[in-house]
Amino acid sequence: MKFLIFESKRGFTLIEMIIYVAFLGFLMVWIIGAMVRSSTIYQATRAEREVVSNARLALERIQRVLAEADDIYTPTSRFGSVNGQLSIFTSSSAVAGHTGSYVDFWLNDGRLWTKEEGQNLLPVTSPSVKVSSFFLENISQGLNKDAVKISLRVEYYVSLGAPVASTTLYTTISLRGAY
């Protein structure tokens, strides 16, 4: 009786090699797709965080200054416009030799700015975001007590086109200095 002895051949056949390459190709496409999705989600989350943070900090700064204000300076304030300007008179941060000082907030070239009398011009929002609306409404509460309703829209752009993230925050602030 004769036995057939098969010799073991080492290596891969062409079909095995094609299967392995196809499997590795699908695996790489899936991994790269997951990484791209993960990066996109991270960028969107970062953009949302940036717009909300800038809008919140801007409104907090305006609220802090406006709450201490004695009066709204209406000749230079611009109400009812998306490109608003708020000018106030306050005695809490008076320049030496004066009874009070003026503080202005306005929108220029997509950024919110502030200027206090006797100090330098300061940006309120970062250059990474664009403020598209700074809408102000003067509310007279009677008995010479004023309030300001503020609508602030902040957007984040990656390139030309639609914003990646945007938020609109609203607040109403009463002048406590007028009480």
Foldseek 3Di string as FASTA:
>chain_A
DDDDDDDDDDDDDPVVVVVVVVVVVVVVVVVVVVVVVVVLVVVLVVQQCQQVVLVVQLVVVCQVVQQQFQAWPPVPFDAPFQFTKTKTWHQPDADPPDSTWIKMWTFDPQWIWIDTPPDDIDTSHDPQKGWRGWHWDWDDPPPRKIKIKTKTKIFGCPDPDDTSDIDIDIDMHIHNSND
